[in-house]
Amino acid sequence: MGHDNVVKFSGRPFDSIGAMNELIISNAINVLRPGDELYFLGDLAWRRYNFEGFFDRWPKNVAFHWILGNHDKQWQPFKDKCASISELKKINIGENTVILCHYPMLTWHKSHYNSWMLFGHHHMNSHGTKDLETKATGKMLNVNVEFNNFMPYSENEVAKIMEKKPDNWDFIK
């Protein structure tokens, strides 16, 4: 968010960065319910975009977890507004261990037990995205909002997608 070049770089369908940011924020706020948690997988704080307004609008009863990305250099002023800030996080969706990182990994915690890996670094039209589809095999999912109509993925959506994916390359059966 807040990155002017991402609109043209990724072919995002917006006239301005403000329109893009507004849609992403509104989409997230509109689907979240009290007690929900949102895990944002990086690139929120491009050049200290005006996040004061973002966090002022964020529902107080929805936890915001920030997984830092390569453009998140200015996160320190907002650390008190987040439930957590880290570069890597392990959560569970149902019985499944899920590793969250801005970047995709070849091997991750419990990948040999078919755990899941969620990442968000790669854009729809970025260099290497087509190659990524052949390399990011198994229980990996790029949750960049570009691939989901600028909406956050729900746990149920992630689970349904993962059901259809093949086992991880290092899965020990």
N, C-alpha and C. Protein backbone atom coordinates (compact mmCIF):
# COMPACT_ATOMS: atom_id res chain seq x y z
N MET A 1 0.85 -1.19 0.00
CA MET A 1 0.00 0.00 0.00
C MET A 1 0.89 1.24 0.00
N GLY A 2 0.34 2.31 -0.48
CA GLY A 2 1.06 3.57 -0.48
C GLY A 2 2.18 3.64 -1.51
N HIS A 3 2.29 2.67 -2.39
CA HIS A 3 3.39 2.57 -3.35
C HIS A 3 2.85 2.92 -4.74
N ASP A 4 3.15 4.13 -5.22
CA ASP A 4 2.63 4.60 -6.50
C ASP A 4 2.95 3.66 -7.65
N ASN A 5 4.16 3.15 -7.69
CA ASN A 5 4.59 2.33 -8.83
C ASN A 5 3.92 0.96 -8.88
N VAL A 6 3.40 0.48 -7.76
CA VAL A 6 2.80 -0.85 -7.78
C VAL A 6 1.55 -0.88 -8.66
N VAL A 7 0.88 0.26 -8.82
CA VAL A 7 -0.32 0.32 -9.66
C VAL A 7 0.05 -0.02 -11.10
N LYS A 8 1.07 0.63 -11.64
CA LYS A 8 1.45 0.35 -13.03
C LYS A 8 2.31 -0.90 -13.14
N PHE A 9 3.20 -1.12 -12.18
CA PHE A 9 4.09 -2.27 -12.19
C PHE A 9 3.31 -3.58 -12.23
N SER A 10 2.24 -3.65 -11.47
CA SER A 10 1.45 -4.87 -11.38
C SER A 10 0.18 -4.84 -12.22
N GLY A 11 -0.04 -3.74 -12.92
CA GLY A 11 -1.24 -3.64 -13.74
C GLY A 11 -2.51 -3.59 -12.91
N ARG A 12 -2.43 -2.98 -11.73
CA ARG A 12 -3.62 -2.88 -10.88
C ARG A 12 -4.61 -1.89 -11.50
N PRO A 13 -5.89 -2.18 -11.43
CA PRO A 13 -6.91 -1.39 -12.14
C PRO A 13 -7.38 -0.14 -11.38
N PHE A 14 -6.45 0.75 -11.05
CA PHE A 14 -6.81 1.93 -10.27
C PHE A 14 -6.29 3.19 -10.95
N ASP A 15 -7.03 4.28 -10.80
CA ASP A 15 -6.62 5.58 -11.33
C ASP A 15 -5.61 6.26 -10.43
N SER A 16 -5.61 5.89 -9.15
CA SER A 16 -4.70 6.54 -8.20
C SER A 16 -4.35 5.58 -7.07
N ILE A 17 -3.28 5.91 -6.39
CA ILE A 17 -2.85 5.12 -5.22
C ILE A 17 -3.89 5.25 -4.10
N GLY A 18 -4.52 6.41 -3.99
CA GLY A 18 -5.56 6.61 -2.98
C GLY A 18 -6.75 5.70 -3.20
N ALA A 19 -7.16 5.55 -4.46
CA ALA A 19 -8.29 4.66 -4.77
C ALA A 19 -7.94 3.21 -4.44
N MET A 20 -6.70 2.81 -4.75
CA MET A 20 -6.28 1.44 -4.45
C MET A 20 -6.26 1.20 -2.93
N ASN A 21 -5.63 2.13 -2.20
CA ASN A 21 -5.55 1.97 -0.75
C ASN A 21 -6.93 1.91 -0.12
N GLU A 22 -7.83 2.77 -0.58
CA GLU A 22 -9.18 2.81 -0.03
C GLU A 22 -9.90 1.49 -0.25
N LEU A 23 -9.78 0.91 -1.45
CA LEU A 23 -10.46 -0.36 -1.71
C LEU A 23 -9.88 -1.48 -0.85
N ILE A 24 -8.57 -1.56 -0.74
CA ILE A 24 -7.96 -2.62 0.07
C ILE A 24 -8.38 -2.49 1.53
N ILE A 25 -8.33 -1.28 2.07
CA ILE A 25 -8.72 -1.06 3.47
C ILE A 25 -10.21 -1.36 3.67
N SER A 26 -11.05 -0.83 2.80
CA SER A 26 -12.50 -1.06 2.93
C SER A 26 -12.85 -2.54 2.80
N ASN A 27 -12.23 -3.23 1.85
CA ASN A 27 -12.50 -4.66 1.69
C ASN A 27 -12.17 -5.43 2.95
N ALA A 28 -11.05 -5.11 3.57
CA ALA A 28 -10.66 -5.82 4.80
C ALA A 28 -11.63 -5.49 5.94
N ILE A 29 -11.88 -4.22 6.15
CA ILE A 29 -12.75 -3.81 7.26
C ILE A 29 -14.16 -4.37 7.09
N ASN A 30 -14.66 -4.43 5.87
CA ASN A 30 -16.04 -4.86 5.63
C ASN A 30 -16.27 -6.35 5.86
N VAL A 31 -15.25 -7.18 5.75
CA VAL A 31 -15.46 -8.62 5.95
C VAL A 31 -15.06 -9.10 7.34
N LEU A 32 -14.34 -8.29 8.08
CA LEU A 32 -13.88 -8.70 9.41
C LEU A 32 -14.96 -8.48 10.46
N ARG A 33 -14.98 -9.38 11.42
CA ARG A 33 -15.96 -9.32 12.51
C ARG A 33 -15.22 -9.19 13.85
N PRO A 34 -15.90 -8.70 14.88
CA PRO A 34 -15.26 -8.60 16.20
C PRO A 34 -14.63 -9.93 16.61
N GLY A 35 -13.40 -9.85 17.09
CA GLY A 35 -12.67 -11.04 17.51
C GLY A 35 -11.83 -11.67 16.41
N ASP A 36 -12.00 -11.22 15.16
CA ASP A 36 -11.19 -11.74 14.06
C ASP A 36 -9.75 -11.26 14.19
N GLU A 37 -8.88 -11.93 13.45
CA GLU A 37 -7.49 -11.53 13.36
C GLU A 37 -7.12 -11.45 11.88
N LEU A 38 -6.42 -10.39 11.51
CA LEU A 38 -5.94 -10.25 10.14
C LEU A 38 -4.42 -10.30 10.16
N TYR A 39 -3.87 -11.14 9.30
CA TYR A 39 -2.42 -11.25 9.14
C TYR A 39 -2.08 -10.59 7.82
N PHE A 40 -1.38 -9.48 7.87
CA PHE A 40 -1.00 -8.72 6.68
C PHE A 40 0.43 -9.11 6.34
N LEU A 41 0.63 -9.74 5.19
CA LEU A 41 1.92 -10.32 4.85
C LEU A 41 2.83 -9.39 4.07
N GLY A 42 2.98 -8.19 4.56
CA GLY A 42 4.03 -7.30 4.12
C GLY A 42 3.70 -6.23 3.12
N ASP A 43 4.60 -5.25 3.11
CA ASP A 43 4.55 -4.08 2.23
C ASP A 43 3.38 -3.17 2.54
N LEU A 44 3.28 -2.81 3.78
CA LEU A 44 2.26 -1.86 4.23
C LEU A 44 2.83 -0.45 4.32
N ALA A 45 4.07 -0.31 4.74
CA ALA A 45 4.62 1.01 5.08
C ALA A 45 5.60 1.55 4.05
N TRP A 46 5.20 1.60 2.79
CA TRP A 46 6.06 2.16 1.76
C TRP A 46 6.28 3.64 2.03
N ARG A 47 7.53 4.03 2.26
CA ARG A 47 7.92 5.43 2.47
C ARG A 47 7.04 6.17 3.46
N ARG A 48 6.73 5.51 4.51
CA ARG A 48 5.92 6.08 5.60
C ARG A 48 4.63 6.70 5.10
N TYR A 49 3.97 5.96 4.25
CA TYR A 49 2.64 6.33 3.80
C TYR A 49 1.81 6.71 5.04
N ASN A 50 0.82 7.55 4.91
CA ASN A 50 0.05 8.05 6.04
C ASN A 50 -0.77 6.93 6.69
N PHE A 51 -0.14 6.21 7.61
CA PHE A 51 -0.81 5.10 8.27
C PHE A 51 -1.60 5.53 9.49
N GLU A 52 -1.40 6.76 9.92
CA GLU A 52 -2.18 7.22 11.06
C GLU A 52 -3.67 7.04 10.78
N GLY A 53 -4.11 7.44 9.61
CA GLY A 53 -5.51 7.29 9.22
C GLY A 53 -5.91 5.83 9.10
N PHE A 54 -4.99 5.00 8.62
CA PHE A 54 -5.28 3.58 8.48
C PHE A 54 -5.61 2.97 9.83
N PHE A 55 -4.75 3.17 10.79
CA PHE A 55 -4.98 2.57 12.11
C PHE A 55 -6.11 3.25 12.87
N ASP A 56 -6.40 4.51 12.58
CA ASP A 56 -7.56 5.16 13.19
C ASP A 56 -8.85 4.50 12.72
N ARG A 57 -8.87 4.03 11.48
CA ARG A 57 -10.06 3.37 10.92
C ARG A 57 -10.14 1.89 11.29
N TRP A 58 -9.03 1.32 11.70
CA TRP A 58 -9.01 -0.12 11.96
C TRP A 58 -9.89 -0.44 13.17
N PRO A 59 -10.78 -1.44 13.05
CA PRO A 59 -11.65 -1.80 14.18
C PRO A 59 -10.82 -2.22 15.41
N LYS A 60 -11.13 -1.65 16.53
CA LYS A 60 -10.36 -1.91 17.76
C LYS A 60 -10.50 -3.36 18.23
N ASN A 61 -11.57 -4.03 17.83
CA ASN A 61 -11.81 -5.40 18.28
C ASN A 61 -11.38 -6.44 17.23
N VAL A 62 -10.52 -6.02 16.29
CA VAL A 62 -9.95 -6.93 15.28
C VAL A 62 -8.44 -6.81 15.38
N ALA A 63 -7.78 -7.92 15.68
CA ALA A 63 -6.32 -7.91 15.84
C ALA A 63 -5.64 -7.79 14.48
N PHE A 64 -4.66 -6.90 14.41
CA PHE A 64 -3.88 -6.70 13.19
C PHE A 64 -2.46 -7.21 13.43
N HIS A 65 -2.09 -8.25 12.72
CA HIS A 65 -0.74 -8.83 12.82
C HIS A 65 0.01 -8.46 11.54
N TRP A 66 1.16 -7.85 11.70
CA TRP A 66 1.92 -7.34 10.56
C TRP A 66 3.17 -8.19 10.37
N ILE A 67 3.22 -8.90 9.26
CA ILE A 67 4.41 -9.65 8.86
C ILE A 67 5.17 -8.72 7.93
N LEU A 68 6.36 -8.32 8.33
CA LEU A 68 7.10 -7.30 7.60
C LEU A 68 7.56 -7.77 6.22
N GLY A 69 7.45 -6.86 5.26
CA GLY A 69 7.92 -7.11 3.90
C GLY A 69 9.11 -6.24 3.57
N ASN A 70 9.59 -6.34 2.35
CA ASN A 70 10.79 -5.61 1.95
C ASN A 70 10.59 -4.10 1.90
N HIS A 71 9.37 -3.60 1.81
CA HIS A 71 9.13 -2.16 1.79
C HIS A 71 8.71 -1.62 3.16
N ASP A 72 8.70 -2.44 4.17
CA ASP A 72 8.25 -2.02 5.50
C ASP A 72 9.40 -1.52 6.37
N LYS A 73 9.96 -0.41 5.95
CA LYS A 73 11.10 0.17 6.69
C LYS A 73 10.63 1.08 7.82
N GLN A 74 9.40 1.56 7.75
CA GLN A 74 8.90 2.57 8.69
C GLN A 74 7.84 2.02 9.63
N TRP A 75 8.01 0.83 10.14
CA TRP A 75 6.99 0.21 10.98
C TRP A 75 7.04 0.63 12.44
N GLN A 76 8.20 1.09 12.93
CA GLN A 76 8.37 1.36 14.36
C GLN A 76 7.33 2.30 14.96
N PRO A 77 6.93 3.39 14.28
CA PRO A 77 5.94 4.28 14.90
C PRO A 77 4.57 3.64 15.11
N PHE A 78 4.34 2.48 14.48
CA PHE A 78 3.01 1.87 14.54
C PHE A 78 2.97 0.58 15.36
N LYS A 79 4.07 0.27 16.05
CA LYS A 79 4.14 -1.00 16.76
C LYS A 79 3.09 -1.14 17.86
N ASP A 80 2.69 -0.05 18.47
CA ASP A 80 1.68 -0.11 19.53
C ASP A 80 0.27 -0.28 18.99
N LYS A 81 0.10 -0.15 17.69
CA LYS A 81 -1.22 -0.28 17.07
C LYS A 81 -1.48 -1.68 16.54
N CYS A 82 -0.47 -2.55 16.64
CA CYS A 82 -0.57 -3.90 16.09
C CYS A 82 -0.58 -4.94 17.21
N ALA A 83 -1.28 -6.03 16.98
CA ALA A 83 -1.26 -7.15 17.92
C ALA A 83 0.11 -7.81 17.92
N SER A 84 0.77 -7.83 16.75
CA SER A 84 2.13 -8.35 16.64
C SER A 84 2.77 -7.82 15.38
N ILE A 85 4.09 -7.73 15.41
CA ILE A 85 4.89 -7.38 14.24
C ILE A 85 6.08 -8.33 14.23
N SER A 86 6.27 -9.02 13.11
CA SER A 86 7.39 -9.96 13.00
C SER A 86 7.71 -10.20 11.54
N GLU A 87 8.81 -10.88 11.28
CA GLU A 87 9.16 -11.25 9.91
C GLU A 87 8.65 -12.63 9.55
N LEU A 88 8.32 -13.41 10.56
CA LEU A 88 7.89 -14.79 10.37
C LEU A 88 6.95 -15.14 11.50
N LYS A 89 5.91 -15.89 11.20
CA LYS A 89 4.95 -16.27 12.26
C LYS A 89 4.41 -17.66 11.97
N LYS A 90 4.14 -18.40 13.03
CA LYS A 90 3.53 -19.72 12.91
C LYS A 90 2.15 -19.63 13.56
N ILE A 91 1.13 -20.05 12.81
CA ILE A 91 -0.23 -20.11 13.34
C ILE A 91 -0.80 -21.48 12.98
N ASN A 92 -2.03 -21.71 13.38
CA ASN A 92 -2.75 -22.92 12.97
C ASN A 92 -4.05 -22.52 12.31
N ILE A 93 -4.39 -23.26 11.27
CA ILE A 93 -5.72 -23.19 10.68
C ILE A 93 -6.26 -24.60 10.80
N GLY A 94 -7.22 -24.76 11.68
CA GLY A 94 -7.68 -26.11 12.00
C GLY A 94 -6.52 -26.90 12.59
N GLU A 95 -6.29 -28.08 12.05
CA GLU A 95 -5.20 -28.94 12.52
C GLU A 95 -3.88 -28.65 11.81
N ASN A 96 -3.88 -27.71 10.90
CA ASN A 96 -2.72 -27.46 10.05
C ASN A 96 -1.81 -26.37 10.60
N THR A 97 -0.52 -26.68 10.63
CA THR A 97 0.48 -25.67 10.94
C THR A 97 0.65 -24.80 9.71
N VAL A 98 0.68 -23.47 9.92
CA VAL A 98 0.79 -22.53 8.81
C VAL A 98 1.92 -21.56 9.12
N ILE A 99 2.85 -21.44 8.18
CA ILE A 99 3.96 -20.51 8.32
C ILE A 99 3.64 -19.28 7.46
N LEU A 100 3.75 -18.10 8.07
CA LEU A 100 3.47 -16.84 7.40
C LEU A 100 4.77 -16.06 7.23
N CYS A 101 5.04 -15.63 6.02
CA CYS A 101 6.23 -14.84 5.74
C CYS A 101 5.92 -14.01 4.50
N HIS A 102 6.55 -12.88 4.36
CA HIS A 102 6.35 -12.08 3.16
C HIS A 102 6.88 -12.81 1.93
N TYR A 103 7.95 -13.56 2.11
CA TYR A 103 8.62 -14.24 1.00
C TYR A 103 8.30 -15.74 0.98
N PRO A 104 8.23 -16.33 -0.21
CA PRO A 104 8.04 -17.79 -0.28
C PRO A 104 9.34 -18.50 0.10
N MET A 105 9.20 -19.68 0.64
CA MET A 105 10.37 -20.50 1.02
C MET A 105 10.27 -21.86 0.36
N LEU A 106 11.40 -22.44 0.05
CA LEU A 106 11.44 -23.78 -0.50
C LEU A 106 11.08 -24.81 0.57
N THR A 107 11.62 -24.61 1.75
CA THR A 107 11.37 -25.49 2.89
C THR A 107 11.06 -24.60 4.09
N TRP A 108 10.11 -25.01 4.92
CA TRP A 108 9.73 -24.22 6.08
C TRP A 108 9.39 -25.17 7.22
N HIS A 109 9.12 -24.61 8.39
CA HIS A 109 8.83 -25.40 9.58
C HIS A 109 7.72 -26.42 9.29
N LYS A 110 8.03 -27.67 9.52
CA LYS A 110 7.12 -28.80 9.35
C LYS A 110 6.64 -28.99 7.90
N SER A 111 7.37 -28.45 6.93
CA SER A 111 6.96 -28.69 5.53
C SER A 111 7.01 -30.18 5.23
N HIS A 112 7.92 -30.90 5.88
CA HIS A 112 7.99 -32.35 5.66
C HIS A 112 6.82 -33.10 6.29
N TYR A 113 6.00 -32.38 7.06
CA TYR A 113 4.74 -32.94 7.58
C TYR A 113 3.54 -32.34 6.84
N ASN A 114 3.79 -31.69 5.71
CA ASN A 114 2.75 -31.10 4.86
C ASN A 114 2.12 -29.83 5.45
N SER A 115 2.90 -29.10 6.27
CA SER A 115 2.39 -27.81 6.76
C SER A 115 2.25 -26.85 5.59
N TRP A 116 1.60 -25.74 5.85
CA TRP A 116 1.30 -24.78 4.80
C TRP A 116 2.22 -23.57 4.90
N MET A 117 2.44 -22.92 3.75
CA MET A 117 3.25 -21.70 3.68
C MET A 117 2.44 -20.64 2.95
N LEU A 118 2.19 -19.51 3.62
CA LEU A 118 1.50 -18.37 3.01
C LEU A 118 2.48 -17.22 2.87
N PHE A 119 2.48 -16.59 1.71
CA PHE A 119 3.39 -15.47 1.44
C PHE A 119 2.67 -14.44 0.59
N GLY A 120 3.26 -13.26 0.41
CA GLY A 120 2.58 -12.22 -0.36
C GLY A 120 3.48 -11.35 -1.20
N HIS A 121 4.76 -11.65 -1.29
CA HIS A 121 5.73 -10.79 -1.97
C HIS A 121 5.50 -10.62 -3.47
N HIS A 122 5.12 -11.67 -4.13
CA HIS A 122 5.07 -11.65 -5.59
C HIS A 122 3.76 -11.06 -6.11
N HIS A 123 3.91 -10.16 -7.08
CA HIS A 123 2.78 -9.49 -7.69
C HIS A 123 2.35 -10.21 -8.97
N MET A 124 1.17 -9.91 -9.43
CA MET A 124 0.59 -10.58 -10.59
C MET A 124 1.48 -10.48 -11.83
N ASN A 125 2.04 -9.33 -12.10
CA ASN A 125 2.83 -9.14 -13.31
C ASN A 125 4.31 -8.92 -13.03
N SER A 126 4.79 -9.30 -11.85
CA SER A 126 6.18 -9.04 -11.52
C SER A 126 7.11 -10.07 -12.16
N HIS A 127 8.36 -9.68 -12.22
CA HIS A 127 9.39 -10.55 -12.77
C HIS A 127 9.42 -11.88 -12.01
N GLY A 128 9.36 -12.96 -12.72
CA GLY A 128 9.47 -14.28 -12.11
C GLY A 128 8.17 -14.89 -11.63
N THR A 129 7.05 -14.18 -11.72
CA THR A 129 5.80 -14.73 -11.21
C THR A 129 5.39 -16.00 -11.95
N LYS A 130 5.58 -16.02 -13.24
CA LYS A 130 5.22 -17.23 -14.01
C LYS A 130 6.10 -18.41 -13.59
N ASP A 131 7.40 -18.16 -13.38
CA ASP A 131 8.30 -19.20 -12.90
C ASP A 131 7.93 -19.64 -11.49
N LEU A 132 7.44 -18.71 -10.69
CA LEU A 132 7.08 -19.01 -9.32
C LEU A 132 6.01 -20.10 -9.26
N GLU A 133 5.09 -20.09 -10.21
CA GLU A 133 4.03 -21.10 -10.23
C GLU A 133 4.59 -22.51 -10.33
N THR A 134 5.71 -22.69 -11.01
CA THR A 134 6.31 -24.02 -11.12
C THR A 134 7.20 -24.34 -9.92
N LYS A 135 7.71 -23.30 -9.25
CA LYS A 135 8.61 -23.51 -8.12
C LYS A 135 7.87 -23.58 -6.78
N ALA A 136 6.81 -22.82 -6.65
CA ALA A 136 6.04 -22.79 -5.40
C ALA A 136 5.00 -23.90 -5.44
N THR A 137 5.47 -25.12 -5.33
CA THR A 137 4.58 -26.27 -5.39
C THR A 137 4.21 -26.75 -4.00
N GLY A 138 3.25 -27.61 -3.94
CA GLY A 138 2.81 -28.13 -2.65
C GLY A 138 1.88 -27.18 -1.95
N LYS A 139 1.94 -27.20 -0.65
CA LYS A 139 1.00 -26.44 0.20
C LYS A 139 1.48 -25.01 0.41
N MET A 140 1.70 -24.29 -0.70
CA MET A 140 2.12 -22.90 -0.68
C MET A 140 1.04 -22.06 -1.35
N LEU A 141 0.84 -20.84 -0.84
CA LEU A 141 -0.17 -19.96 -1.43
C LEU A 141 0.30 -18.52 -1.35
N ASN A 142 0.29 -17.85 -2.50
CA ASN A 142 0.57 -16.43 -2.57
C ASN A 142 -0.73 -15.70 -2.24
N VAL A 143 -0.79 -15.06 -1.09
CA VAL A 143 -2.01 -14.40 -0.64
C VAL A 143 -2.01 -12.89 -0.93
N ASN A 144 -1.19 -12.47 -1.87
CA ASN A 144 -1.21 -11.09 -2.32
C ASN A 144 -2.64 -10.78 -2.78
N VAL A 145 -3.17 -9.65 -2.34
CA VAL A 145 -4.57 -9.33 -2.64
C VAL A 145 -4.87 -9.22 -4.13
N GLU A 146 -3.84 -9.03 -4.95
CA GLU A 146 -4.05 -8.98 -6.40
C GLU A 146 -4.68 -10.27 -6.92
N PHE A 147 -4.42 -11.37 -6.26
CA PHE A 147 -4.91 -12.67 -6.71
C PHE A 147 -6.28 -13.02 -6.13
N ASN A 148 -6.87 -12.11 -5.35
CA ASN A 148 -8.16 -12.38 -4.71
C ASN A 148 -9.07 -11.15 -4.78
N ASN A 149 -9.07 -10.47 -5.91
CA ASN A 149 -9.93 -9.32 -6.12
C ASN A 149 -9.76 -8.25 -5.03
N PHE A 150 -8.53 -8.10 -4.55
CA PHE A 150 -8.16 -7.11 -3.54
C PHE A 150 -8.88 -7.32 -2.21
N MET A 151 -9.19 -8.57 -1.93
CA MET A 151 -9.83 -8.97 -0.67
C MET A 151 -8.84 -9.81 0.14
N PRO A 152 -8.95 -9.77 1.47
CA PRO A 152 -8.16 -10.72 2.26
C PRO A 152 -8.71 -12.13 2.09
N TYR A 153 -7.86 -13.11 2.20
CA TYR A 153 -8.30 -14.51 2.16
C TYR A 153 -8.80 -14.90 3.54
N SER A 154 -9.88 -15.63 3.60
CA SER A 154 -10.37 -16.15 4.89
C SER A 154 -9.69 -17.49 5.16
N GLU A 155 -9.74 -17.94 6.40
CA GLU A 155 -9.21 -19.27 6.73
C GLU A 155 -9.89 -20.35 5.91
N ASN A 156 -11.20 -20.24 5.73
CA ASN A 156 -11.93 -21.24 4.95
C ASN A 156 -11.47 -21.26 3.50
N GLU A 157 -11.25 -20.09 2.92
CA GLU A 157 -10.76 -20.03 1.54
C GLU A 157 -9.38 -20.68 1.42
N VAL A 158 -8.51 -20.37 2.35
CA VAL A 158 -7.17 -20.95 2.34
C VAL A 158 -7.26 -22.47 2.45
N ALA A 159 -8.08 -22.96 3.37
CA ALA A 159 -8.23 -24.40 3.57
C ALA A 159 -8.74 -25.09 2.30
N LYS A 160 -9.72 -24.50 1.63
CA LYS A 160 -10.25 -25.10 0.40
C LYS A 160 -9.21 -25.14 -0.71
N ILE A 161 -8.43 -24.08 -0.82
CA ILE A 161 -7.36 -24.05 -1.83
C ILE A 161 -6.31 -25.11 -1.52
N MET A 162 -5.93 -25.22 -0.25
CA MET A 162 -4.88 -26.17 0.14
C MET A 162 -5.32 -27.62 -0.05
N GLU A 163 -6.61 -27.89 0.11
CA GLU A 163 -7.11 -29.25 -0.12
C GLU A 163 -6.81 -29.74 -1.53
N LYS A 164 -6.81 -28.83 -2.48
CA LYS A 164 -6.61 -29.19 -3.89
C LYS A 164 -5.13 -29.22 -4.30
N LYS A 165 -4.27 -28.70 -3.46
CA LYS A 165 -2.85 -28.63 -3.81
C LYS A 165 -2.16 -29.97 -3.54
N PRO A 166 -1.10 -30.26 -4.30
CA PRO A 166 -0.37 -31.49 -4.06
C PRO A 166 0.42 -31.43 -2.74
N ASP A 167 0.90 -32.56 -2.31
CA ASP A 167 1.74 -32.61 -1.11
C ASP A 167 3.04 -31.84 -1.35
N ASN A 168 3.64 -31.40 -0.26
CA ASN A 168 4.93 -30.73 -0.34
C ASN A 168 5.98 -31.68 -0.87
N TRP A 169 6.98 -31.15 -1.55
CA TRP A 169 8.01 -31.98 -2.17
C TRP A 169 8.78 -32.80 -1.12
N ASP A 170 8.88 -32.28 0.09
CA ASP A 170 9.66 -32.99 1.13
C ASP A 170 8.76 -33.73 2.13
N PHE A 171 7.49 -33.91 1.79
CA PHE A 171 6.53 -34.58 2.68
C PHE A 171 6.96 -36.02 2.96
N ILE A 172 7.03 -36.35 4.24
CA ILE A 172 7.35 -37.71 4.67
C ILE A 172 6.03 -38.41 4.95
N LYS A 173 5.68 -39.37 4.10
CA LYS A 173 4.39 -40.05 4.25
C LYS A 173 4.48 -41.18 5.25
